[in-house]
Amino acid sequence: MTIISIPNVHFGTINLPLLLTDDAVTNAITSEVEQSYIFKRQEPVVGWHDVYSNPETESRSLVYTAIQRASLDAILEACDNVGCKVTGVENSYASLLKTLYYSGIAEDQMKDDVTWNLMIIGQNNYSILS
């Protein structure tokens, strides 16, 4: 079993009605992502996760990521060529957050009703997740 972690290409948040099916959510996010110049000529592959649901307002907040299908297909083909069976693909941000969770740091730092930020410093950029 191999799960590959790919660099972030497109990351965002969206609020949608709670009653939407998973397919409808994927379609809504795909439509949103296609507005970005990155995906004007490249078909996107999206992934998303619920962050917060509010039954009173019948809405939910989601985080989503997207990558160009051609790039993902090339990565999966390269893995297949070396005999690596890929069972999952994750965004690098999701991998970092899971690492913090498994290490126990998330539980210590990310308390309810407390604002937290994660600053990721790369070679030529930085990202802040709240």
Protein backbone atom coordinates (compact mmCIF):
# COMPACT_ATOMS: atom_id res chain seq x y z
CA MET A 1 0.00 0.00 0.00
CA THR A 2 1.45 3.36 -1.03
CA ILE A 3 -0.03 6.79 -0.49
CA ILE A 4 1.79 9.54 -2.35
CA SER A 5 1.92 13.11 -1.13
CA ILE A 6 2.00 15.67 -3.92
CA PRO A 7 2.80 19.38 -3.64
CA ASN A 8 -0.14 21.71 -3.38
CA VAL A 9 -1.33 23.07 -6.73
CA HIS A 10 -4.66 24.66 -5.80
CA PHE A 11 -6.14 24.91 -2.29
CA GLY A 12 -9.31 26.67 -1.17
CA THR A 13 -12.41 26.76 0.98
CA ILE A 14 -16.06 26.87 0.01
CA ASN A 15 -19.44 27.03 1.76
CA LEU A 16 -22.18 24.88 0.30
CA PRO A 17 -25.68 23.69 1.27
CA LEU A 18 -25.71 20.77 3.68
CA LEU A 19 -28.19 18.80 1.57
CA LEU A 20 -25.93 18.45 -1.49
CA THR A 21 -24.84 14.93 -2.36
CA ASP A 22 -21.13 14.10 -2.60
CA ASP A 23 -21.34 14.14 -6.41
CA ALA A 24 -23.00 17.58 -6.35
CA VAL A 25 -20.29 18.88 -4.00
CA THR A 26 -17.58 17.56 -6.33
CA ASN A 27 -19.32 19.21 -9.32
CA ALA A 28 -19.64 22.54 -7.47
CA ILE A 29 -15.97 22.51 -6.48
CA THR A 30 -14.91 21.51 -9.99
CA SER A 31 -16.88 24.46 -11.40
CA GLU A 32 -15.20 26.77 -8.88
CA VAL A 33 -11.72 25.44 -9.67
CA GLU A 34 -12.22 25.75 -13.43
CA GLN A 35 -12.40 29.54 -12.96
CA SER A 36 -8.70 29.55 -12.08
CA TYR A 37 -6.22 30.20 -14.89
CA ILE A 38 -4.36 27.01 -13.90
CA PHE A 39 -7.28 24.90 -15.09
CA LYS A 40 -8.41 26.86 -18.15
CA ARG A 41 -6.69 24.33 -20.48
CA GLN A 42 -6.16 21.42 -18.08
CA GLU A 43 -8.88 19.24 -16.59
CA PRO A 44 -8.82 19.33 -12.77
CA VAL A 45 -9.05 16.46 -10.32
CA VAL A 46 -10.50 17.66 -7.02
CA GLY A 47 -10.57 16.33 -3.50
CA TRP A 48 -12.45 17.81 -0.55
CA HIS A 49 -13.22 17.35 3.12
CA ASP A 50 -15.94 18.70 5.43
CA VAL A 51 -14.59 21.10 8.02
CA TYR A 52 -17.77 22.33 9.68
CA SER A 53 -21.50 21.67 9.32
CA ASN A 54 -24.30 23.84 10.70
CA PRO A 55 -27.72 22.13 10.71
CA GLU A 56 -29.43 25.39 11.72
CA THR A 57 -28.35 27.22 8.56
CA GLU A 58 -28.23 23.99 6.51
CA SER A 59 -24.73 24.83 5.32
CA ARG A 60 -21.28 23.34 5.57
CA SER A 61 -17.75 24.55 5.08
CA LEU A 62 -15.30 22.49 3.07
CA VAL A 63 -11.63 22.62 2.18
CA TYR A 64 -10.63 21.43 -1.25
CA THR A 65 -7.59 20.81 -3.39
CA ALA A 66 -7.12 20.38 -7.11
CA ILE A 67 -4.41 19.22 -9.49
CA GLN A 68 -4.23 18.94 -13.26
CA ARG A 69 -5.41 15.49 -14.39
CA ALA A 70 -2.52 15.16 -16.88
CA SER A 71 0.04 15.74 -14.11
CA LEU A 72 -1.62 13.26 -11.77
CA ASP A 73 -1.84 10.66 -14.53
CA ALA A 74 1.89 11.09 -15.26
CA ILE A 75 2.76 10.63 -11.57
CA LEU A 76 0.60 7.51 -11.30
CA GLU A 77 2.10 6.09 -14.50
CA ALA A 78 5.65 6.64 -13.20
CA CYS A 79 4.75 4.85 -9.97
CA ASP A 80 3.23 1.97 -11.93
CA ASN A 81 6.36 1.71 -14.10
CA VAL A 82 8.53 1.07 -11.05
CA GLY A 83 6.06 -1.44 -9.59
CA CYS A 84 4.60 0.82 -6.92
CA LYS A 85 0.89 0.19 -6.29
CA VAL A 86 -0.65 3.55 -5.36
CA THR A 87 -3.69 3.26 -3.11
CA GLY A 88 -4.11 6.94 -2.33
CA VAL A 89 -3.03 10.44 -3.24
CA GLU A 90 -2.84 13.28 -0.73
CA ASN A 91 -2.12 16.95 -0.88
CA SER A 92 1.01 17.98 0.99
CA TYR A 93 -1.04 20.19 3.34
CA ALA A 94 -3.25 17.23 4.29
CA SER A 95 -0.16 15.12 4.90
CA LEU A 96 1.30 17.76 7.21
CA LEU A 97 -1.93 18.08 9.17
CA LYS A 98 -2.21 14.31 9.52
CA THR A 99 1.37 14.17 10.76
CA LEU A 100 0.56 16.76 13.41
CA TYR A 101 -2.50 14.72 14.40
CA TYR A 102 -0.65 11.40 14.64
CA SER A 103 2.22 12.96 16.58
CA GLY A 104 -0.17 14.40 19.18
CA ILE A 105 0.84 17.98 18.48
CA ALA A 106 -2.56 18.78 16.97
CA GLU A 107 -4.39 17.67 20.09
CA ASP A 108 -2.11 19.78 22.29
CA GLN A 109 -2.32 22.91 20.13
CA MET A 110 -5.66 22.90 18.31
CA LYS A 111 -8.21 23.42 21.08
CA ASP A 112 -11.89 24.18 20.52
CA ASP A 113 -12.71 27.90 20.34
CA VAL A 114 -9.01 28.79 20.04
CA THR A 115 -7.64 30.28 16.83
CA TRP A 116 -4.55 28.53 15.54
CA ASN A 117 -2.27 29.03 12.56
CA LEU A 118 0.17 26.73 10.82
CA MET A 119 2.94 28.46 8.88
CA ILE A 120 4.67 26.31 6.28
CA ILE A 121 7.93 27.75 4.99
CA GLY A 122 9.19 26.39 1.67
CA GLN A 123 12.29 27.04 -0.37
CA ASN A 124 10.80 30.03 -2.17
CA ASN A 125 7.39 30.58 -0.57
CA TYR A 126 5.31 30.27 2.54
CA SER A 127 1.72 29.32 3.38
CA ILE A 128 -0.41 30.01 6.42
CA LEU A 129 -3.29 27.71 7.29
CA SER A 130 -5.75 28.82 9.98
